[in-house]
Amino acid sequence: MQDKKQHLIDTALRLFYHHGIHAVGINHILSESGVAKKTLYHHFASKEALILATLAQRHRCFMAWLRHQVQDKRGQQGVSALFTALGCWFSGQEQALGPFRGCFFINTHGEFDASHSDILSACRAHKKEVETAIAAMLSAAEQPLAPAIAMLMEGAIVKATLGQPQAATEHALQSALILLDRGQ
């Protein structure tokens, strides 16, 4: 049974990320996955529960990828590794993250309003953990710059989504390195 649950999450995540959550109905997920409706509702009480499961899975995947990219790197070296890795993701070279379609969390947050507080909370928690991971690769003196570097990362993701991936990473990296130089 666990395999079918995971298959449903994988299928829903792929479809949601590619088409958008509101554009994908339960019947589309069932058709693509080959799983029966009864099985889906055995594992997920609602579409919202399935959405939360996809957010949790993408969060785990993204954070493992991010931590691997900056592992054992600090300061400017870590920031350079971060933006180089983003550039690879934007150009489709990061198999762990799949084809680039923007940030799943930004995309998801944009589709929901305050009545879906659990979904919005999951998106915000992801962004907070990304910022924490960035802070962890900075020295104590540089850590106050983590929110600004995270914002540059978010801006690069959005700019890459709009079709300027190389410029996005180059500009964000240059700006982050200037911040680190001035923060010293």
Protein backbone atom coordinates (compact mmCIF):
# COMPACT_ATOMS: atom_id res chain seq x y z
CA MET A 1 0.00 0.00 0.00
CA GLN A 2 2.84 2.40 0.78
CA ASP A 3 4.11 2.08 -2.79
CA LYS A 4 0.75 3.25 -4.18
CA LYS A 5 0.70 6.17 -1.77
CA GLN A 6 4.17 7.21 -2.88
CA HIS A 7 3.20 6.71 -6.52
CA LEU A 8 0.22 9.03 -6.02
CA ILE A 9 2.45 11.68 -4.42
CA ASP A 10 5.03 11.39 -7.20
CA THR A 11 2.38 11.62 -9.91
CA ALA A 12 0.54 14.52 -8.29
CA LEU A 13 3.78 16.44 -7.70
CA ARG A 14 4.83 16.03 -11.33
CA LEU A 15 1.43 17.13 -12.61
CA PHE A 16 1.01 19.99 -10.13
CA TYR A 17 4.50 21.32 -10.84
CA HIS A 18 4.06 21.13 -14.60
CA HIS A 19 0.46 22.35 -14.96
CA GLY A 20 -0.41 24.12 -11.70
CA ILE A 21 -2.48 22.73 -8.85
CA HIS A 22 -5.86 24.16 -9.83
CA ALA A 23 -5.44 22.94 -13.41
CA VAL A 24 -5.02 19.33 -12.27
CA GLY A 25 -8.04 17.46 -10.99
CA ILE A 26 -8.16 14.26 -9.01
CA ASN A 27 -9.34 12.33 -12.08
CA HIS A 28 -6.25 13.45 -14.00
CA ILE A 29 -4.03 12.21 -11.17
CA LEU A 30 -5.90 8.90 -11.05
CA SER A 31 -5.66 8.49 -14.82
CA GLU A 32 -1.92 9.22 -14.88
CA SER A 33 -1.14 7.08 -11.83
CA GLY A 34 -3.40 4.14 -12.66
CA VAL A 35 -4.51 4.08 -9.02
CA ALA A 36 -8.15 3.60 -8.03
CA LYS A 37 -10.11 6.47 -6.50
CA LYS A 38 -10.79 4.37 -3.40
CA THR A 39 -7.04 3.90 -2.89
CA LEU A 40 -6.39 7.62 -3.27
CA TYR A 41 -9.00 8.48 -0.66
CA HIS A 42 -7.69 5.72 1.61
CA HIS A 43 -4.38 7.60 1.75
CA PHE A 44 -5.57 11.20 1.38
CA ALA A 45 -8.81 12.57 2.82
CA SER A 46 -8.87 15.40 0.28
CA LYS A 47 -7.02 17.04 -2.57
CA GLU A 48 -5.61 19.47 0.00
CA ALA A 49 -4.07 16.56 1.93
CA LEU A 50 -2.47 15.34 -1.30
CA ILE A 51 -1.17 18.86 -2.01
CA LEU A 52 0.39 18.98 1.46
CA ALA A 53 2.05 15.61 0.82
CA THR A 54 3.52 16.89 -2.46
CA LEU A 55 4.79 20.03 -0.74
CA ALA A 56 6.43 17.90 1.96
CA GLN A 57 8.08 15.67 -0.63
CA ARG A 58 9.36 18.59 -2.72
CA HIS A 59 10.62 20.25 0.45
CA ARG A 60 12.63 17.16 1.45
CA CYS A 61 14.01 16.78 -2.07
CA PHE A 62 14.94 20.45 -2.47
CA MET A 63 16.55 20.75 0.96
CA ALA A 64 18.63 17.58 0.44
CA TRP A 65 19.75 18.96 -2.93
CA LEU A 66 20.54 22.40 -1.49
CA ARG A 67 22.51 21.04 1.46
CA HIS A 68 24.48 18.76 -0.85
CA GLN A 69 25.35 21.69 -3.16
CA VAL A 70 26.79 23.84 -0.37
CA GLN A 71 28.14 21.04 1.79
CA ASP A 72 31.44 21.99 3.44
CA LYS A 73 31.44 25.39 1.74
CA ARG A 74 31.36 28.63 3.69
CA GLY A 75 31.03 32.33 2.98
CA GLN A 76 31.74 33.41 -0.59
CA GLN A 77 32.54 29.85 -1.63
CA GLY A 78 29.16 28.66 -0.34
CA VAL A 79 27.28 31.52 -1.98
CA SER A 80 29.07 30.87 -5.28
CA ALA A 81 28.18 27.17 -5.03
CA LEU A 82 24.56 28.06 -4.28
CA PHE A 83 24.10 30.26 -7.34
CA THR A 84 26.09 27.93 -9.60
CA ALA A 85 23.78 25.09 -8.54
CA LEU A 86 20.74 27.27 -9.21
CA GLY A 87 22.08 27.98 -12.69
CA CYS A 88 22.41 24.25 -13.31
CA TRP A 89 18.82 23.70 -12.15
CA PHE A 90 17.55 26.52 -14.36
CA SER A 91 19.22 24.96 -17.39
CA GLY A 92 17.84 21.48 -16.68
CA GLN A 93 21.07 19.93 -15.43
CA GLU A 94 19.83 18.93 -11.97
CA GLN A 95 18.18 15.52 -12.20
CA ALA A 96 17.32 15.54 -8.51
CA LEU A 97 14.99 18.51 -9.05
CA GLY A 98 13.70 17.61 -12.51
CA PRO A 99 12.93 20.09 -15.27
CA PHE A 100 12.82 23.71 -14.12
CA ARG A 101 9.30 25.18 -13.88
CA GLY A 102 9.97 27.84 -11.30
CA CYS A 103 9.69 27.32 -7.58
CA PHE A 104 6.94 24.88 -6.63
CA PHE A 105 6.40 26.77 -3.37
CA ILE A 106 6.11 30.20 -4.99
CA ASN A 107 3.83 28.74 -7.65
CA THR A 108 1.66 27.00 -5.07
CA HIS A 109 1.47 30.01 -2.77
CA GLY A 110 0.27 32.08 -5.70
CA GLU A 111 -2.64 29.73 -6.34
CA PHE A 112 -4.14 29.88 -2.85
CA ASP A 113 -5.60 32.45 -0.49
CA ALA A 114 -5.69 32.67 3.30
CA SER A 115 -8.49 30.10 3.53
CA HIS A 116 -5.86 27.46 2.74
CA SER A 117 -3.64 28.30 5.70
CA ASP A 118 -2.00 24.86 5.94
CA ILE A 119 -0.82 25.06 2.34
CA LEU A 120 0.44 28.63 2.75
CA SER A 121 2.14 27.69 6.02
CA ALA A 122 3.95 24.81 4.33
CA CYS A 123 5.20 27.17 1.61
CA ARG A 124 6.39 29.73 4.17
CA ALA A 125 8.08 27.06 6.31
CA HIS A 126 10.01 25.86 3.26
CA LYS A 127 11.26 29.38 2.53
CA LYS A 128 12.26 29.84 6.17
CA GLU A 129 14.26 26.60 6.13
CA VAL A 130 16.02 27.65 2.91
CA GLU A 131 17.03 30.91 4.63
CA THR A 132 18.25 28.94 7.65
CA ALA A 133 20.36 26.70 5.39
CA ILE A 134 21.88 29.79 3.78
CA ALA A 135 22.65 31.26 7.21
CA ALA A 136 24.35 27.99 8.22
CA MET A 137 26.95 28.38 5.46
CA LEU A 138 27.83 31.91 6.55
CA SER A 139 30.14 33.03 9.32
CA ALA A 140 28.60 34.53 12.45
CA ALA A 141 29.42 38.03 11.15
CA GLU A 142 27.80 37.24 7.76
CA GLN A 143 24.64 35.57 9.09
CA PRO A 144 22.60 38.80 9.22
CA LEU A 145 22.95 38.81 5.40
CA ALA A 146 21.13 35.47 5.03
CA PRO A 147 17.69 37.04 4.43
CA ALA A 148 19.11 39.27 1.68
CA ILE A 149 20.92 36.36 0.02
CA ALA A 150 17.74 34.28 0.23
CA MET A 151 15.85 37.14 -1.40
CA LEU A 152 18.45 37.27 -4.20
CA MET A 153 17.95 33.53 -4.64
CA GLU A 154 14.17 33.97 -4.88
CA GLY A 155 14.61 36.80 -7.36
CA ALA A 156 16.92 34.65 -9.48
CA ILE A 157 14.32 31.86 -9.51
CA VAL A 158 11.59 34.26 -10.63
CA LYS A 159 13.81 35.89 -13.26
CA ALA A 160 14.82 32.47 -14.59
CA THR A 161 11.14 31.52 -14.78
CA LEU A 162 10.62 34.58 -16.98
CA GLY A 163 13.25 33.30 -19.41
CA GLN A 164 16.52 34.86 -18.28
CA PRO A 165 18.27 32.03 -16.41
CA GLN A 166 21.89 32.96 -17.09
CA ALA A 167 21.42 36.65 -16.28
CA ALA A 168 19.45 35.69 -13.19
CA THR A 169 22.24 33.66 -11.64
CA GLU A 170 25.01 36.04 -12.70
CA HIS A 171 23.30 39.14 -11.31
CA ALA A 172 22.20 37.46 -8.10
CA LEU A 173 25.67 36.02 -7.48
CA GLN A 174 27.38 39.37 -8.12
CA SER A 175 24.98 41.10 -5.75
CA ALA A 176 25.43 38.47 -3.05
CA LEU A 177 29.22 38.70 -3.26
CA ILE A 178 29.05 42.50 -3.00
CA LEU A 179 26.90 42.12 0.12
CA LEU A 180 29.39 39.71 1.66
CA ASP A 181 32.35 42.00 0.83
CA ARG A 182 30.63 45.00 2.40
CA GLY A 183 29.50 42.97 5.40
CA GLN A 184 33.06 42.04 6.36
